[in-house]
Structure formats: C-alpha cells, structure tokens
C-alpha cells in the first residue's frame, strides 16, 4: 500500500496529535454532543495509526482492526445520540452533569 510518499512516522505523529486534541476536548468541554465528537476524533486517530502501521508492515491486520473500531464507533454514536436527545428534551442547554435527570 502506498503511503503517499510519507513515512509511517508522519502518520503516527498525525494520529498522536488527533488523539491529543480529542482527549483535551473530552476533558475540557461539558456539552455531551461535543464530548461524543471528541471521542469520535480519538477513535479516528486510532484508525489512522492502525492503517499506517498495517501499510508499513504490509499486513492487512490494521485494516481489519479499523473495521471493528468503526463498528464500535457506530454503536457508540447511536447510543450516545439517543442519550443526548433524551437529556435535551427534558432540559435545553444540558451539560454532562445533567445525566442524573435520566433516573427512572
């Protein structure tokens, strides 16, 4: 697989940068929707690392791992979006601290 003329190290550096941005955003922001976007950014950073390492090692295992990460990400989006909608129906402008509103 062609890496576009760049070494694997550049892709791993991009992956670390994306993961760091997602981690900082997850810790700093309190809006649940933004928090889910930060988690998705972190998952995509892991996908970049898997594909780069798989291409660098001439192995398809990285791309297979990406498939499973995407399945988990899709599941997380469905559940997370349902929670965000449920919270925002009860209170507009809700934050992550308002998850106690979902108690039965």
C-alpha atoms as a PDB file:
ATOM      1  CA  UNK A   1       0.000   0.000   0.000  1.00  0.00           C
ATOM      2  CA  UNK A   2       1.313   3.429  -0.944  1.00  0.00           C
ATOM      3  CA  UNK A   3       1.652   5.853   1.933  1.00  0.00           C
ATOM      4  CA  UNK A   4       1.674   8.894  -0.320  1.00  0.00           C
ATOM      5  CA  UNK A   5       5.436   9.420  -0.115  1.00  0.00           C
ATOM      6  CA  UNK A   6       5.413   9.969   3.653  1.00  0.00           C
ATOM      7  CA  UNK A   7       6.902   7.645   6.213  1.00  0.00           C
ATOM      8  CA  UNK A   8       4.830   5.820   8.810  1.00  0.00           C
ATOM      9  CA  UNK A   9       6.215   8.171  11.459  1.00  0.00           C
ATOM     10  CA  UNK A  10       4.376  11.150   9.966  1.00  0.00           C
ATOM     11  CA  UNK A  11       1.080   9.310  10.083  1.00  0.00           C
ATOM     12  CA  UNK A  12       1.719   8.236  13.654  1.00  0.00           C
ATOM     13  CA  UNK A  13       2.519  11.848  14.582  1.00  0.00           C
ATOM     14  CA  UNK A  14      -0.790  12.907  12.993  1.00  0.00           C
ATOM     15  CA  UNK A  15      -2.532  10.169  14.947  1.00  0.00           C
ATOM     16  CA  UNK A  16      -0.988  11.338  18.238  1.00  0.00           C
ATOM     17  CA  UNK A  17      -1.973  14.938  17.502  1.00  0.00           C
ATOM     18  CA  UNK A  18      -5.583  13.991  16.716  1.00  0.00           C
ATOM     19  CA  UNK A  19      -5.816  11.777  19.797  1.00  0.00           C
ATOM     20  CA  UNK A  20      -4.433  14.564  21.992  1.00  0.00           C
ATOM     21  CA  UNK A  21      -6.894  17.109  20.614  1.00  0.00           C
ATOM     22  CA  UNK A  22      -9.757  14.687  21.219  1.00  0.00           C
ATOM     23  CA  UNK A  23      -8.575  13.889  24.756  1.00  0.00           C
ATOM     24  CA  UNK A  24      -8.207  17.536  25.712  1.00  0.00           C
ATOM     25  CA  UNK A  25     -11.598  18.348  24.214  1.00  0.00           C
ATOM     26  CA  UNK A  26     -13.179  15.488  26.144  1.00  0.00           C
ATOM     27  CA  UNK A  27     -11.730  16.711  29.428  1.00  0.00           C
ATOM     28  CA  UNK A  28     -12.424  20.416  28.886  1.00  0.00           C
ATOM     29  CA  UNK A  29     -15.885  20.556  27.311  1.00  0.00           C
ATOM     30  CA  UNK A  30     -19.101  19.778  29.214  1.00  0.00           C
ATOM     31  CA  UNK A  31     -21.539  19.637  26.284  1.00  0.00           C
ATOM     32  CA  UNK A  32     -22.436  15.963  25.698  1.00  0.00           C
ATOM     33  CA  UNK A  33     -22.569  16.343  21.921  1.00  0.00           C
ATOM     34  CA  UNK A  34     -19.083  17.879  21.817  1.00  0.00           C
ATOM     35  CA  UNK A  35     -17.835  15.149  24.136  1.00  0.00           C
ATOM     36  CA  UNK A  36     -19.095  12.469  21.738  1.00  0.00           C
ATOM     37  CA  UNK A  37     -17.411  14.250  18.832  1.00  0.00           C
ATOM     38  CA  UNK A  38     -14.146  14.235  20.787  1.00  0.00           C
ATOM     39  CA  UNK A  39     -14.464  10.504  21.408  1.00  0.00           C
ATOM     40  CA  UNK A  40     -15.060  10.001  17.680  1.00  0.00           C
ATOM     41  CA  UNK A  41     -11.943  12.055  16.932  1.00  0.00           C
ATOM     42  CA  UNK A  42      -9.943   9.830  19.272  1.00  0.00           C
ATOM     43  CA  UNK A  43     -11.292   6.691  17.576  1.00  0.00           C
ATOM     44  CA  UNK A  44     -10.380   8.082  14.165  1.00  0.00           C
ATOM     45  CA  UNK A  45      -6.864   8.819  15.424  1.00  0.00           C
ATOM     46  CA  UNK A  46      -6.539   5.167  16.393  1.00  0.00           C
ATOM     47  CA  UNK A  47      -7.799   4.196  12.933  1.00  0.00           C
ATOM     48  CA  UNK A  48      -5.099   6.311  11.280  1.00  0.00           C
ATOM     49  CA  UNK A  49      -2.464   4.590  13.419  1.00  0.00           C
ATOM     50  CA  UNK A  50      -3.815   1.124  12.580  1.00  0.00           C
ATOM     51  CA  UNK A  51      -3.858   1.788   8.842  1.00  0.00           C
ATOM     52  CA  UNK A  52      -0.396   3.394   8.845  1.00  0.00           C
ATOM     53  CA  UNK A  53       1.162   0.557  10.809  1.00  0.00           C
ATOM     54  CA  UNK A  54      -0.612  -2.035   8.693  1.00  0.00           C
ATOM     55  CA  UNK A  55       0.634  -0.406   5.496  1.00  0.00           C
ATOM     56  CA  UNK A  56       4.127  -0.033   6.900  1.00  0.00           C
ATOM     57  CA  UNK A  57       4.270  -3.698   7.854  1.00  0.00           C
ATOM     58  CA  UNK A  58       2.476  -4.887   4.681  1.00  0.00           C
ATOM     59  CA  UNK A  59      -0.214  -6.511   6.792  1.00  0.00           C
ATOM     60  CA  UNK A  60      -3.990  -6.339   6.451  1.00  0.00           C
ATOM     61  CA  UNK A  61      -4.488  -6.712  10.191  1.00  0.00           C
ATOM     62  CA  UNK A  62      -4.575  -2.946  10.661  1.00  0.00           C
ATOM     63  CA  UNK A  63      -7.432  -2.554   8.223  1.00  0.00           C
ATOM     64  CA  UNK A  64      -9.347  -5.395   9.850  1.00  0.00           C
ATOM     65  CA  UNK A  65      -8.917  -3.695  13.237  1.00  0.00           C
ATOM     66  CA  UNK A  66     -10.220  -0.447  11.705  1.00  0.00           C
ATOM     67  CA  UNK A  67     -13.371  -2.287  10.635  1.00  0.00           C
ATOM     68  CA  UNK A  68     -14.046  -3.369  14.213  1.00  0.00           C
ATOM     69  CA  UNK A  69     -13.282   0.106  15.576  1.00  0.00           C
ATOM     70  CA  UNK A  70     -15.785   1.595  13.108  1.00  0.00           C
ATOM     71  CA  UNK A  71     -18.448  -0.878  14.260  1.00  0.00           C
ATOM     72  CA  UNK A  72     -17.868   0.156  17.875  1.00  0.00           C
ATOM     73  CA  UNK A  73     -17.915   3.837  16.864  1.00  0.00           C
ATOM     74  CA  UNK A  74     -21.235   3.438  15.051  1.00  0.00           C
ATOM     75  CA  UNK A  75     -22.748   1.731  18.086  1.00  0.00           C
ATOM     76  CA  UNK A  76     -21.431   4.462  20.360  1.00  0.00           C
ATOM     77  CA  UNK A  77     -22.944   7.151  18.144  1.00  0.00           C
ATOM     78  CA  UNK A  78     -26.377   5.517  18.187  1.00  0.00           C
ATOM     79  CA  UNK A  79     -26.464   5.099  21.963  1.00  0.00           C
ATOM     80  CA  UNK A  80     -24.831   8.445  22.674  1.00  0.00           C
ATOM     81  CA  UNK A  81     -27.118  10.387  20.383  1.00  0.00           C
ATOM     82  CA  UNK A  82     -30.158   8.762  21.998  1.00  0.00           C
ATOM     83  CA  UNK A  83     -28.896   9.863  25.426  1.00  0.00           C
ATOM     84  CA  UNK A  84     -28.213  13.407  24.254  1.00  0.00           C
ATOM     85  CA  UNK A  85     -31.691  13.686  22.707  1.00  0.00           C
ATOM     86  CA  UNK A  86     -33.287  12.312  25.889  1.00  0.00           C
ATOM     87  CA  UNK A  87     -31.439  14.833  28.042  1.00  0.00           C
ATOM     88  CA  UNK A  88     -32.122  17.800  25.764  1.00  0.00           C
ATOM     89  CA  UNK A  89     -35.847  17.015  25.677  1.00  0.00           C
ATOM     90  CA  UNK A  90     -36.020  17.454  29.423  1.00  0.00           C
ATOM     91  CA  UNK A  91     -33.743  20.469  29.716  1.00  0.00           C
ATOM     92  CA  UNK A  92     -32.403  22.749  26.999  1.00  0.00           C
ATOM     93  CA  UNK A  93     -28.700  23.543  27.245  1.00  0.00           C
ATOM     94  CA  UNK A  94     -27.961  20.440  29.290  1.00  0.00           C
ATOM     95  CA  UNK A  95     -24.415  19.506  30.260  1.00  0.00           C
ATOM     96  CA  UNK A  96     -22.805  16.176  31.052  1.00  0.00           C
ATOM     97  CA  UNK A  97     -23.577  16.763  34.729  1.00  0.00           C
ATOM     98  CA  UNK A  98     -27.292  16.509  33.948  1.00  0.00           C
ATOM     99  CA  UNK A  99     -27.184  12.747  33.371  1.00  0.00           C
ATOM    100  CA  UNK A 100     -28.874  12.349  36.762  1.00  0.00           C
ATOM    101  CA  UNK A 101     -32.084  13.516  35.028  1.00  0.00           C
ATOM    102  CA  UNK A 102     -32.337  10.105  33.378  1.00  0.00           C
ATOM    103  CA  UNK A 103     -33.028   8.263  36.631  1.00  0.00           C
ATOM    104  CA  UNK A 104     -36.265   6.298  36.443  1.00  0.00           C
END
